[in-house]
Amino acid sequence: MSECFFVTGTDTDCGKTSVSELVLELLARSGYNTIAMKPVAAGCEITAAGLRNVDALKLQSAATVKLPYEAVNPIALAPAIAPHIAAEQFGVDVRVQDLVEHWRVLREQQPDFLVTEGAGGWLVPLNSTESFPDFVQQTGQDVILVVGMKLGCLNHALLTVAAIEAAGLKLRGWVANQATATPMMAYKANLKTLKQRIQAPLLAEVPHLTCLGDRELWLQRTDLLERLGYIPRSPLERLQRA
């Protein structure tokens, strides 16, 4: 059975893609096969191959199972605006059931992990009646919350946690991500407050990683996967899985 996670965030630009990339990298280094999905992406560039979203491309590259772009990002929209508005402007029909069916096709490939990244925050609409939580509920994924550590994150994080729980979904953990170069004032105090008020475990603190060296050092030192409950595969297990 594949382990399936939906990565959401407190808001736009909180670092969902960066954290998803790190998770996929950790899983790959631990011997796990991974597939990534970005169901809906707005803010795509026009290329010779079609519309392409930079975040979806990063997820496509980070996953160990290499799939065509359209398999990773089935709904690509050009305007960098709310997905349901962009879809409406261009006559694109975004339906949760279609996204669920696409997700199930990916899961049927039986990766060890299927990591799906949302768009914007938790309650982003997909059409006039459906939103991302509907997709997560129908696929039964556990949720990983990325908290962008900046002014306002306490309210955003606690409201998001409450909404996830109200939807009857399991929050497997959260990540405190410093998405900008400017450090958050009273970072430790804010982190302490979140740890006191969020029952799910803090999986990791991610500093603002300014270079490949910083990123590599963080990857070597983090115990994020252990906090999720996973350990690296042995060489024999990797051979049997191959």
Protein backbone atom coordinates (compact mmCIF):
# COMPACT_ATOMS: atom_id res chain seq x y z
CA MET A 1 0.00 0.00 0.00
CA SER A 2 1.28 3.44 -0.90
CA GLU A 3 1.61 6.09 1.78
CA CYS A 4 -0.19 9.21 0.56
CA PHE A 5 0.33 12.73 1.84
CA PHE A 6 -1.28 16.01 0.88
CA VAL A 7 0.98 19.01 1.51
CA THR A 8 -0.92 22.20 2.26
CA GLY A 9 0.14 25.57 3.63
CA THR A 10 -0.96 28.48 5.71
CA ASP A 11 -1.06 30.70 2.63
CA THR A 12 0.56 31.40 -0.71
CA ASP A 13 4.38 31.51 -0.73
CA CYS A 14 4.72 29.75 2.63
CA GLY A 15 7.10 27.20 1.11
CA LYS A 16 4.91 24.21 0.21
CA THR A 17 6.94 23.30 -2.85
CA SER A 18 10.29 23.70 -1.10
CA VAL A 19 9.18 21.45 1.75
CA SER A 20 7.62 18.93 -0.66
CA GLU A 21 10.93 18.80 -2.55
CA LEU A 22 12.83 18.19 0.69
CA VAL A 23 10.44 15.40 1.70
CA LEU A 24 10.78 13.76 -1.71
CA GLU A 25 14.57 14.04 -1.53
CA LEU A 26 14.66 12.47 1.93
CA LEU A 27 12.44 9.61 0.79
CA ALA A 28 14.60 8.99 -2.27
CA ARG A 29 17.78 8.92 -0.18
CA SER A 30 16.10 6.44 2.15
CA GLY A 31 15.39 4.02 -0.68
CA TYR A 32 11.71 4.75 -1.29
CA ASN A 33 10.00 5.10 -4.66
CA THR A 34 7.98 8.28 -4.97
CA ILE A 35 5.44 9.92 -7.26
CA ALA A 36 4.52 13.60 -7.00
CA MET A 37 1.34 15.36 -8.07
CA LYS A 38 0.30 18.99 -8.38
CA PRO A 39 -3.41 18.64 -9.25
CA VAL A 40 -3.99 22.27 -10.18
CA ALA A 41 -1.36 24.93 -10.87
CA ALA A 42 -2.01 28.57 -11.75
CA GLY A 43 0.72 30.92 -12.90
CA CYS A 44 2.05 28.69 -15.70
CA GLU A 45 4.42 29.79 -18.44
CA ILE A 46 3.74 29.23 -22.13
CA THR A 47 6.43 26.93 -23.55
CA ALA A 48 6.90 24.95 -26.75
CA ALA A 49 5.70 21.88 -24.84
CA GLY A 50 2.62 23.65 -23.47
CA LEU A 51 1.80 25.36 -20.20
CA ARG A 52 4.35 24.63 -17.49
CA ASN A 53 4.38 25.57 -13.80
CA VAL A 54 7.73 25.96 -12.07
CA ASP A 55 6.53 24.32 -8.85
CA ALA A 56 5.11 21.32 -10.69
CA LEU A 57 8.36 20.96 -12.62
CA LYS A 58 10.29 20.87 -9.34
CA LEU A 59 8.03 18.13 -8.00
CA GLN A 60 8.32 16.19 -11.26
CA SER A 61 12.10 16.35 -10.99
CA ALA A 62 12.25 15.45 -7.29
CA ALA A 63 10.13 12.28 -7.58
CA THR A 64 11.95 9.02 -8.28
CA VAL A 65 9.28 7.74 -10.69
CA LYS A 66 9.67 9.91 -13.76
CA LEU A 67 6.33 10.73 -15.33
CA PRO A 68 5.19 13.02 -18.16
CA TYR A 69 4.41 16.55 -17.04
CA GLU A 70 0.68 16.14 -17.64
CA ALA A 71 0.64 13.19 -15.23
CA VAL A 72 2.12 15.34 -12.48
CA ASN A 73 0.06 18.48 -13.20
CA PRO A 74 -3.20 17.62 -15.01
CA ILE A 75 -4.69 21.13 -14.72
CA ALA A 76 -2.31 23.91 -15.78
CA LEU A 77 -3.57 27.50 -15.89
CA ALA A 78 -1.72 30.56 -17.16
CA PRO A 79 -2.88 33.44 -14.93
CA ALA A 80 -1.23 33.70 -11.52
CA ILE A 81 -4.55 34.09 -9.74
CA ALA A 82 -6.90 31.88 -7.72
CA PRO A 83 -7.26 28.59 -9.67
CA HIS A 84 -11.06 28.60 -9.90
CA ILE A 85 -11.02 32.17 -11.27
CA ALA A 86 -8.29 31.34 -13.79
CA ALA A 87 -10.20 28.22 -14.87
CA GLU A 88 -13.41 30.19 -15.29
CA GLN A 89 -11.69 32.84 -17.40
CA PHE A 90 -10.31 30.24 -19.81
CA GLY A 91 -13.28 27.88 -19.86
CA VAL A 92 -11.47 25.06 -18.06
CA ASP A 93 -13.70 22.67 -16.12
CA VAL A 94 -12.02 21.71 -12.82
CA ARG A 95 -13.92 18.92 -11.07
CA VAL A 96 -12.85 17.13 -7.91
CA GLN A 97 -13.95 13.77 -9.31
CA ASP A 98 -11.62 14.15 -12.30
CA LEU A 99 -8.71 14.99 -10.00
CA VAL A 100 -9.53 12.04 -7.77
CA GLU A 101 -9.56 9.67 -10.74
CA HIS A 102 -6.22 11.05 -11.92
CA TRP A 103 -4.76 10.62 -8.43
CA ARG A 104 -5.99 7.02 -8.28
CA VAL A 105 -4.25 6.23 -11.56
CA LEU A 106 -0.99 7.45 -10.03
CA ARG A 107 -1.58 5.43 -6.86
CA GLU A 108 -2.22 2.29 -8.94
CA GLN A 109 1.45 2.45 -9.96
CA GLN A 110 2.11 1.47 -6.32
CA PRO A 111 4.85 3.89 -5.35
CA ASP A 112 6.00 3.73 -1.76
CA PHE A 113 4.87 7.34 -1.38
CA LEU A 114 2.52 9.57 -3.34
CA VAL A 115 3.08 13.21 -2.37
CA THR A 116 0.48 15.71 -3.56
CA GLU A 117 0.86 19.46 -3.20
CA GLY A 118 -2.09 21.82 -3.06
CA ALA A 119 -2.29 25.41 -4.28
CA GLY A 120 -2.33 28.44 -2.02
CA GLY A 121 -3.85 27.67 1.38
CA TRP A 122 -6.14 24.91 2.64
CA LEU A 123 -9.56 26.22 1.59
CA VAL A 124 -8.71 27.32 -1.95
CA PRO A 125 -11.79 26.82 -4.20
CA LEU A 126 -11.57 24.61 -7.28
CA ASN A 127 -14.92 25.63 -8.76
CA SER A 128 -18.15 27.27 -7.62
CA THR A 129 -19.01 24.47 -5.19
CA GLU A 130 -15.87 22.40 -4.52
CA SER A 131 -12.50 23.11 -2.89
CA PHE A 132 -9.25 21.30 -2.15
CA PRO A 133 -10.53 19.71 1.10
CA ASP A 134 -13.13 17.84 -0.99
CA PHE A 135 -10.31 16.31 -3.02
CA VAL A 136 -8.35 15.34 0.10
CA GLN A 137 -11.42 13.83 1.74
CA GLN A 138 -12.28 11.71 -1.29
CA THR A 139 -8.71 10.43 -1.61
CA GLY A 140 -8.31 9.86 2.13
CA GLN A 141 -4.87 11.40 2.32
CA ASP A 142 -3.14 12.43 5.54
CA VAL A 143 -2.12 16.09 5.63
CA ILE A 144 1.22 17.78 6.20
CA LEU A 145 0.91 21.49 6.98
CA VAL A 146 3.64 23.95 6.03
CA VAL A 147 3.59 27.00 8.28
CA GLY A 148 5.25 30.05 6.78
CA MET A 149 6.95 31.56 9.83
CA LYS A 150 6.07 35.23 9.52
CA LEU A 151 3.82 37.77 11.16
CA GLY A 152 0.26 36.42 11.14
CA CYS A 153 1.25 32.76 11.07
CA LEU A 154 -0.32 31.96 14.44
CA ASN A 155 -3.80 32.84 13.24
CA HIS A 156 -3.29 31.25 9.83
CA ALA A 157 -1.85 28.05 11.24
CA LEU A 158 -4.42 27.53 13.98
CA LEU A 159 -7.35 28.26 11.67
CA THR A 160 -5.94 25.82 9.11
CA VAL A 161 -5.46 23.09 11.71
CA ALA A 162 -9.04 23.62 12.92
CA ALA A 163 -10.36 23.36 9.36
CA ILE A 164 -8.39 20.17 8.65
CA GLU A 165 -9.72 18.56 11.82
CA ALA A 166 -13.28 19.74 11.11
CA ALA A 167 -13.05 17.97 7.74
CA GLY A 168 -12.35 14.72 9.59
CA LEU A 169 -8.83 14.42 8.20
CA LYS A 170 -5.62 13.44 9.95
CA LEU A 171 -2.87 16.04 10.32
CA ARG A 172 0.27 13.92 10.38
CA GLY A 173 2.45 16.85 11.32
CA TRP A 174 3.54 20.36 10.49
CA VAL A 175 6.71 22.07 9.31
CA ALA A 176 7.91 25.47 10.48
CA ASN A 177 9.36 27.02 7.34
CA GLN A 178 11.31 30.27 7.15
CA ALA A 179 10.41 31.11 3.58
CA THR A 180 12.10 34.53 3.46
CA ALA A 181 15.61 35.77 4.16
CA THR A 182 14.33 38.21 6.80
CA PRO A 183 14.09 36.36 10.14
CA MET A 184 10.74 36.43 11.90
CA MET A 185 10.67 38.59 15.01
CA ALA A 186 10.20 36.49 18.17
CA TYR A 187 10.55 33.31 16.12
CA LYS A 188 11.16 31.02 19.11
CA ALA A 189 8.20 32.46 21.02
CA ASN A 190 5.90 31.98 18.03
CA LEU A 191 7.20 28.44 17.52
CA LYS A 192 6.56 27.64 21.18
CA THR A 193 2.98 28.89 20.90
CA LEU A 194 2.33 26.72 17.85
CA LYS A 195 3.83 23.65 19.54
CA GLN A 196 1.58 24.22 22.56
CA ARG A 197 -1.59 24.61 20.50
CA ILE A 198 -1.13 22.09 17.66
CA GLN A 199 -1.48 18.51 18.82
CA ALA A 200 0.15 17.05 15.71
CA PRO A 201 3.95 16.80 15.92
CA LEU A 202 6.37 19.40 14.66
CA LEU A 203 8.14 17.44 11.92
CA ALA A 204 10.94 19.90 11.20
CA GLU A 205 12.14 23.45 11.30
CA VAL A 206 13.39 24.56 7.89
CA PRO A 207 15.60 27.66 7.88
CA HIS A 208 15.92 29.91 4.86
CA LEU A 209 18.23 27.75 2.75
CA THR A 210 20.33 30.17 0.70
CA CYS A 211 22.63 27.73 -1.12
CA LEU A 212 23.07 24.07 -2.02
CA GLY A 213 25.49 23.63 0.87
CA ASP A 214 22.90 24.80 3.39
CA ARG A 215 20.32 22.52 1.84
CA GLU A 216 22.60 19.50 1.90
CA LEU A 217 23.54 20.08 5.53
CA TRP A 218 19.87 20.33 6.51
CA LEU A 219 19.06 17.11 4.65
CA GLN A 220 21.85 15.29 6.46
CA ARG A 221 20.80 16.49 9.91
CA THR A 222 17.00 16.40 9.84
CA ASP A 223 14.96 13.61 11.41
CA LEU A 224 11.76 14.54 9.58
CA LEU A 225 11.14 11.04 8.24
CA GLU A 226 11.70 9.49 11.66
CA ARG A 227 9.15 11.88 13.14
CA LEU A 228 6.72 10.69 10.48
CA GLY A 229 7.48 7.14 11.54
CA TYR A 230 9.71 5.91 8.71
CA ILE A 231 13.26 4.59 8.65
CA PRO A 232 15.65 4.18 5.71
CA ARG A 233 15.36 0.96 3.77
CA SER A 234 18.13 -1.61 4.07
CA PRO A 235 20.13 -2.55 0.93
CA LEU A 236 18.21 -5.86 0.81
CA GLU A 237 14.85 -4.12 0.98
CA ARG A 238 15.92 -1.75 -1.78
CA LEU A 239 16.98 -4.67 -3.97
CA GLN A 240 13.72 -6.50 -3.37
CA ARG A 241 11.72 -3.37 -4.21
CA ALA A 242 13.66 -2.62 -7.40
